[in-house]
């Protein structure tokens, strides 16, 4: 668990190692130690250690930094500054493919705020040039990234259509778009702060939504049909063909695998999208409390089960 803390008078990034029951395995480790403000950590496990990114403001603009850690939280690489532009770079999200890191963040070099992507090697050195993912009149914010075994899924929210809605894009491991980005939500109420994971079959997305008049957490699993939802020739099974692009976490719905390139993998059909995502389906509403439920984080723990954590003020102040 990576988090920011101001116990020493300045906001710094800390790491806590926990067992499966949430009990600390060792004292918390302070990762950053400088006079600037460190925030928005993103931590991923690589199989033998961790990759960690965060925001820091070394001079006049927010920038994204990276460090590699071993399994005990000791640093194994220097702190590396990933971004270096005369504008703010915010909210990094890191994903590990098994050989490299993918990284997305919000960047203000073009004024409004866009989503950028880069790949890094295991030591945090760039493998590719920065790729601009969004290029529209709205402000794109809070991107989240997940690796799917062959592709990245990047999810974010932006206001290009007047209010904040969720969007998803699929990227190769070197940042090339597989298909054009797709809008996931469509409602008069704002949809914000998404989190995305790969379930082994489809991406799952959780977010905070205001369509019911207060902020609540919603969860949906995104089908990967290459054809329009409802097309009788769709390769997707289950209730995808009922016109509902989001499926609940208890539904049995997946893509039929086609190993078209004979590489032993059966996810080629999942390189497409269902345009019917845009019908405004709310997914599954997870919370229903008097307070605001925001800042959700989503995990996949297998056997058709998700784990969610979020911030909630139903008892008067924000708690997790």
Protein backbone atom coordinates (compact mmCIF):
# COMPACT_ATOMS: atom_id res chain seq x y z
CA UNK A 1 0.00 0.00 0.00
CA UNK A 2 1.43 3.39 -1.04
CA UNK A 3 0.02 6.59 0.44
CA UNK A 4 0.88 10.21 1.16
CA UNK A 5 1.42 11.41 4.73
CA UNK A 6 2.39 14.71 6.40
CA UNK A 7 3.48 13.30 9.77
CA UNK A 8 6.85 15.06 9.39
CA UNK A 9 5.36 18.43 8.42
CA UNK A 10 5.53 17.88 4.65
CA UNK A 11 3.55 15.59 2.37
CA UNK A 12 5.66 12.53 1.51
CA UNK A 13 5.05 9.08 0.00
CA UNK A 14 5.09 6.08 2.33
CA UNK A 15 4.88 2.32 1.73
CA UNK A 16 3.19 -0.21 4.02
CA UNK A 17 3.45 -3.96 3.39
CA UNK A 18 0.37 -5.91 4.52
CA UNK A 19 -0.60 -9.55 4.67
CA UNK A 20 -3.86 -10.91 3.25
CA UNK A 21 -5.70 -9.90 6.44
CA UNK A 22 -4.42 -6.31 6.24
CA UNK A 23 -1.92 -6.67 9.10
CA UNK A 24 1.35 -4.80 8.65
CA UNK A 25 4.32 -7.06 7.95
CA UNK A 26 6.87 -4.41 8.88
CA UNK A 27 7.03 -0.72 9.86
CA UNK A 28 5.99 1.78 7.20
CA UNK A 29 8.77 2.94 4.88
CA UNK A 30 9.21 6.56 3.88
CA UNK A 31 9.93 6.66 0.12
CA UNK A 32 10.29 10.39 -0.60
CA UNK A 33 12.18 12.90 1.49
CA UNK A 34 12.34 16.40 0.09
CA UNK A 35 11.07 19.91 0.68
CA UNK A 36 8.44 19.75 -2.08
CA UNK A 37 4.97 18.22 -2.03
CA UNK A 38 4.62 14.53 -3.00
CA UNK A 39 1.18 13.09 -3.81
CA UNK A 40 -0.92 10.68 -5.92
CA UNK A 41 1.15 7.48 -5.63
CA UNK A 42 0.52 4.51 -7.95
CA UNK A 43 2.03 1.16 -6.93
CA UNK A 44 2.24 -2.11 -8.89
CA UNK A 45 3.76 -5.52 -8.11
CA UNK A 46 6.18 -6.93 -10.71
CA UNK A 47 6.58 -10.45 -9.37
CA UNK A 48 9.72 -9.72 -7.37
CA UNK A 49 9.31 -6.10 -6.36
CA UNK A 50 7.35 -2.93 -6.98
CA UNK A 51 7.17 -0.02 -9.37
CA UNK A 52 6.03 3.25 -7.81
CA UNK A 53 5.09 6.55 -9.44
CA UNK A 54 3.87 9.77 -7.89
CA UNK A 55 3.51 13.54 -8.38
CA UNK A 56 6.11 15.98 -7.12
CA UNK A 57 6.61 19.70 -7.58
CA UNK A 58 10.38 20.19 -7.72
CA UNK A 59 10.21 23.68 -9.19
CA UNK A 60 7.12 25.47 -10.49
CA UNK A 61 5.18 22.59 -12.11
CA UNK A 62 3.93 19.18 -11.02
CA UNK A 63 5.95 16.34 -12.56
CA UNK A 64 5.75 12.53 -12.50
CA UNK A 65 8.47 10.49 -10.79
CA UNK A 66 9.32 6.77 -10.68
CA UNK A 67 11.28 4.49 -8.36
CA UNK A 68 11.79 0.72 -8.29
CA UNK A 69 11.54 -1.15 -4.98
CA UNK A 70 12.41 -4.70 -3.95
CA UNK A 71 9.94 -7.03 -2.24
CA UNK A 72 10.74 -5.47 1.16
CA UNK A 73 10.30 -1.89 -0.05
CA UNK A 74 14.00 -0.99 -0.37
CA UNK A 75 14.85 1.15 -3.40
CA UNK A 76 16.60 -0.64 -6.26
CA UNK A 77 16.65 2.27 -8.73
CA UNK A 78 17.27 5.99 -8.34
CA UNK A 79 14.25 8.28 -8.27
CA UNK A 80 13.66 9.15 -11.92
CA UNK A 81 11.79 12.16 -13.23
CA UNK A 82 9.55 10.84 -16.02
CA UNK A 83 7.98 14.09 -17.24
CA UNK A 84 9.75 17.38 -17.86
CA UNK A 85 7.54 19.99 -19.50
CA UNK A 86 6.59 23.55 -18.62
CA UNK A 87 3.14 22.49 -17.47
CA UNK A 88 1.62 20.33 -14.77
CA UNK A 89 1.71 16.52 -15.08
CA UNK A 90 -0.79 14.97 -12.67
CA UNK A 91 -2.29 11.71 -11.40
CA UNK A 92 0.01 8.96 -12.75
CA UNK A 93 -1.25 5.39 -13.06
CA UNK A 94 1.19 2.52 -13.56
CA UNK A 95 0.69 -1.02 -14.94
CA UNK A 96 3.19 -3.91 -15.37
CA UNK A 97 3.12 -6.26 -18.37
CA UNK A 98 5.68 -8.77 -17.16
CA UNK A 99 8.49 -7.07 -19.08
CA UNK A 100 7.77 -3.33 -18.97
CA UNK A 101 5.68 -0.62 -17.31
CA UNK A 102 2.90 1.33 -18.95
CA UNK A 103 2.21 4.76 -17.49
CA UNK A 104 -0.63 7.23 -18.07
CA UNK A 105 -1.13 10.68 -16.56
CA UNK A 106 -3.00 13.94 -17.03
CA UNK A 107 -0.89 16.63 -18.68
CA UNK A 108 -1.59 20.36 -19.09
CA UNK A 109 0.98 21.25 -21.75
CA UNK A 110 -1.93 21.84 -24.13
CA UNK A 111 -3.82 24.01 -21.62
CA UNK A 112 -7.08 22.09 -21.05
CA UNK A 113 -5.60 18.83 -19.81
CA UNK A 114 -5.05 15.64 -21.83
CA UNK A 115 -4.11 12.02 -21.16
CA UNK A 116 -0.57 10.93 -22.08
CA UNK A 117 1.04 7.48 -22.19
CA UNK A 118 4.61 6.16 -22.09
CA UNK A 119 6.32 2.82 -21.56
CA UNK A 120 9.24 2.38 -19.16
CA UNK A 121 11.69 -0.45 -18.64
CA UNK A 122 12.05 -2.22 -15.30
CA UNK A 123 14.43 0.51 -14.11
CA UNK A 124 12.02 3.32 -15.04
CA UNK A 125 13.87 4.44 -18.19
CA UNK A 126 11.67 5.39 -21.18
CA UNK A 127 11.24 2.83 -23.93
CA UNK A 128 8.98 4.98 -26.10
CA UNK A 129 8.21 8.63 -26.69
CA UNK A 130 5.26 10.14 -24.85
CA UNK A 131 1.97 9.56 -26.69
CA UNK A 132 -0.96 11.96 -26.45
CA UNK A 133 -4.08 9.81 -26.00
CA UNK A 134 -6.82 12.47 -25.87
CA UNK A 135 -7.15 15.50 -28.11
CA UNK A 136 -10.51 17.17 -27.67
CA UNK A 137 -11.99 20.42 -26.38
CA UNK A 138 -12.74 19.04 -22.92
CA UNK A 139 -10.57 18.45 -19.87
CA UNK A 140 -9.48 14.83 -19.38
CA UNK A 141 -8.75 13.78 -15.81
CA UNK A 142 -7.76 10.96 -13.43
CA UNK A 143 -6.63 8.27 -15.90
CA UNK A 144 -6.28 4.68 -14.74
CA UNK A 145 -4.43 1.89 -16.55
CA UNK A 146 -4.68 -1.93 -16.56
CA UNK A 147 -2.76 -4.59 -18.49
CA UNK A 148 -4.86 -7.27 -20.22
CA UNK A 149 -2.21 -9.77 -21.25
CA UNK A 150 -1.92 -8.31 -24.76
CA UNK A 151 -3.22 -4.76 -24.46
CA UNK A 152 -3.57 -1.90 -22.01
CA UNK A 153 -6.97 -0.48 -21.09
CA UNK A 154 -6.88 3.21 -20.17
CA UNK A 155 -9.96 4.73 -18.50
CA UNK A 156 -10.54 8.37 -17.55
CA UNK A 157 -13.28 10.98 -17.32
CA UNK A 158 -13.70 14.19 -19.28
CA UNK A 159 -16.24 16.89 -20.05
CA UNK A 160 -16.01 17.15 -23.84
CA UNK A 161 -19.78 16.61 -24.10
CA UNK A 162 -20.79 19.11 -21.41
CA UNK A 163 -20.65 17.03 -18.24
CA UNK A 164 -18.11 14.52 -16.97
CA UNK A 165 -18.39 11.03 -18.48
CA UNK A 166 -16.14 7.97 -18.54
CA UNK A 167 -14.09 6.97 -21.58
CA UNK A 168 -11.97 3.90 -22.37
CA UNK A 169 -9.17 3.32 -24.87
CA UNK A 170 -7.16 0.21 -25.78
CA UNK A 171 -3.42 0.55 -26.38
CA UNK A 172 -0.65 -1.80 -27.46
CA UNK A 173 2.35 -2.23 -25.20
CA UNK A 174 4.00 0.60 -27.13
CA UNK A 175 1.13 3.04 -26.96
CA UNK A 176 -0.53 2.55 -30.34
CA UNK A 177 -4.32 2.80 -30.25
CA UNK A 178 -6.00 -0.51 -31.09
CA UNK A 179 -9.36 1.15 -31.70
CA UNK A 180 -10.74 4.62 -31.15
CA UNK A 181 -11.65 5.58 -27.59
CA UNK A 182 -15.22 4.85 -26.48
CA UNK A 183 -17.56 6.66 -24.14
CA UNK A 184 -18.73 4.37 -21.32
CA UNK A 185 -21.34 6.48 -19.51
CA UNK A 186 -24.03 8.86 -20.75
CA UNK A 187 -26.18 10.55 -18.15
CA UNK A 188 -27.08 14.06 -16.97
CA UNK A 189 -25.23 13.36 -13.73
CA UNK A 190 -21.43 13.42 -13.62
CA UNK A 191 -19.37 10.22 -13.71
CA UNK A 192 -15.89 10.58 -12.22
CA UNK A 193 -12.81 8.95 -10.70
CA UNK A 194 -12.74 5.56 -12.46
CA UNK A 195 -10.66 2.52 -11.56
CA UNK A 196 -10.06 -0.35 -14.00
CA UNK A 197 -8.89 -3.97 -13.67
CA UNK A 198 -8.65 -6.95 -16.01
CA UNK A 199 -10.69 -9.95 -14.87
CA UNK A 200 -9.04 -12.43 -17.20
CA UNK A 201 -11.94 -12.07 -19.64
CA UNK A 202 -13.07 -8.43 -19.77
CA UNK A 203 -12.10 -5.08 -18.24
CA UNK A 204 -14.08 -4.13 -15.12
CA UNK A 205 -14.58 -0.46 -14.24
CA UNK A 206 -15.70 1.14 -10.96
CA UNK A 207 -16.46 4.84 -10.63
CA UNK A 208 -18.26 7.52 -8.64
CA UNK A 209 -21.56 8.62 -10.20
CA UNK A 210 -24.03 11.44 -9.45
CA UNK A 211 -26.99 10.25 -11.53
CA UNK A 212 -29.05 9.46 -8.41
CA UNK A 213 -28.55 12.91 -6.86
CA UNK A 214 -25.57 12.04 -4.66
CA UNK A 215 -22.19 10.45 -5.27
CA UNK A 216 -22.38 6.65 -5.27
CA UNK A 217 -20.03 3.90 -6.41
CA UNK A 218 -20.97 1.93 -9.52
CA UNK A 219 -19.35 -1.16 -11.02
CA UNK A 220 -19.57 -2.54 -14.55
CA UNK A 221 -17.77 -5.15 -16.64
CA UNK A 222 -17.11 -3.97 -20.18
CA UNK A 223 -17.85 -6.45 -22.98
CA UNK A 224 -15.37 -6.72 -25.81
CA UNK A 225 -17.63 -7.41 -28.78
CA UNK A 226 -16.20 -6.26 -32.11
CA UNK A 227 -19.74 -5.94 -33.48
CA UNK A 228 -22.64 -3.77 -32.42
CA UNK A 229 -24.47 -5.08 -29.38
CA UNK A 230 -27.52 -7.02 -30.53
CA UNK A 231 -25.93 -8.08 -33.82
CA UNK A 232 -26.84 -11.77 -34.28
CA UNK A 233 -23.32 -12.35 -35.60
CA UNK A 234 -21.74 -11.05 -32.40
CA UNK A 235 -19.00 -13.30 -31.04
CA UNK A 236 -20.01 -12.50 -27.46
CA UNK A 237 -22.19 -14.84 -25.45
CA UNK A 238 -24.33 -14.24 -22.39
CA UNK A 239 -26.62 -11.23 -22.12
CA UNK A 240 -24.44 -8.92 -24.21
CA UNK A 241 -27.01 -9.39 -26.95
CA UNK A 242 -29.80 -7.92 -24.83
CA UNK A 243 -28.54 -4.42 -25.61
CA UNK A 244 -26.97 -3.92 -22.17
CA UNK A 245 -23.30 -2.99 -22.64
CA UNK A 246 -22.39 -3.16 -18.95
CA UNK A 247 -22.85 -6.44 -17.15
CA UNK A 248 -23.15 -6.96 -13.42
CA UNK A 249 -20.40 -8.69 -11.45
CA UNK A 250 -22.51 -11.82 -11.02
CA UNK A 251 -23.33 -12.25 -14.70
CA UNK A 252 -21.69 -14.99 -16.76
CA UNK A 253 -20.71 -13.13 -19.88
CA UNK A 254 -17.50 -13.35 -21.82
CA UNK A 255 -15.99 -13.32 -25.28
CA UNK A 256 -15.74 -16.52 -27.25
CA UNK A 257 -12.03 -16.98 -27.88
CA UNK A 258 -10.56 -17.07 -31.39
CA UNK A 259 -6.89 -17.90 -31.69
CA UNK A 260 -6.62 -16.29 -35.12
CA UNK A 261 -2.84 -15.93 -35.08
CA UNK A 262 -2.13 -19.37 -33.57
CA UNK A 263 -0.15 -17.92 -30.68
CA UNK A 264 -1.97 -19.95 -28.03
CA UNK A 265 -3.98 -16.92 -26.82
CA UNK A 266 -7.69 -16.51 -27.45
CA UNK A 267 -8.25 -12.80 -26.95
CA UNK A 268 -8.13 -11.59 -30.54
CA UNK A 269 -11.88 -11.02 -30.57
CA UNK A 270 -11.48 -8.77 -27.54
CA UNK A 271 -9.57 -6.23 -29.62
CA UNK A 272 -12.94 -4.77 -30.69
CA UNK A 273 -15.52 -2.62 -28.96
CA UNK A 274 -19.28 -2.46 -28.64
CA UNK A 275 -20.53 0.94 -29.73
CA UNK A 276 -23.61 0.27 -27.61
CA UNK A 277 -21.58 1.14 -24.51
CA UNK A 278 -22.94 4.62 -25.05
CA UNK A 279 -26.50 3.76 -24.01
CA UNK A 280 -25.87 5.17 -20.52
CA UNK A 281 -26.21 1.95 -18.56
CA UNK A 282 -25.33 2.51 -14.90
CA UNK A 283 -23.66 -0.83 -14.26
CA UNK A 284 -24.26 -2.17 -10.76
CA UNK A 285 -24.76 0.40 -8.02
CA UNK A 286 -22.53 -0.69 -5.13
CA UNK A 287 -23.21 1.99 -2.51
CA UNK A 288 -26.48 3.55 -1.37
CA UNK A 289 -25.72 5.85 1.56
CA UNK A 290 -26.70 9.37 2.58
CA UNK A 291 -23.13 10.64 2.18
CA UNK A 292 -20.84 10.99 -0.83
CA UNK A 293 -18.94 7.88 -1.95
CA UNK A 294 -15.90 8.80 -4.04
CA UNK A 295 -12.27 7.94 -4.86
CA UNK A 296 -12.88 4.26 -5.55
CA UNK A 297 -10.12 1.69 -6.05
CA UNK A 298 -10.98 -1.64 -7.68
CA UNK A 299 -9.22 -5.01 -7.49
CA UNK A 300 -9.89 -8.40 -9.07
CA UNK A 301 -9.36 -11.33 -6.70
CA UNK A 302 -10.51 -14.14 -8.98
CA UNK A 303 -13.45 -16.57 -9.01
CA UNK A 304 -15.76 -13.80 -10.24
CA UNK A 305 -15.07 -11.58 -7.21
CA UNK A 306 -14.09 -7.92 -6.92
CA UNK A 307 -12.69 -6.00 -3.98
CA UNK A 308 -13.48 -2.28 -3.74
CA UNK A 309 -12.26 0.46 -1.41
CA UNK A 310 -13.51 4.05 -1.44
CA UNK A 311 -13.84 7.29 0.49
CA UNK A 312 -17.18 8.00 2.19
CA UNK A 313 -18.53 10.81 4.40
CA UNK A 314 -21.80 9.16 5.53
CA UNK A 315 -20.74 9.50 9.19
CA UNK A 316 -19.78 13.17 8.99
CA UNK A 317 -16.16 13.05 7.88
CA UNK A 318 -14.32 11.17 5.15
CA UNK A 319 -13.43 7.59 6.01
CA UNK A 320 -12.33 4.57 3.97
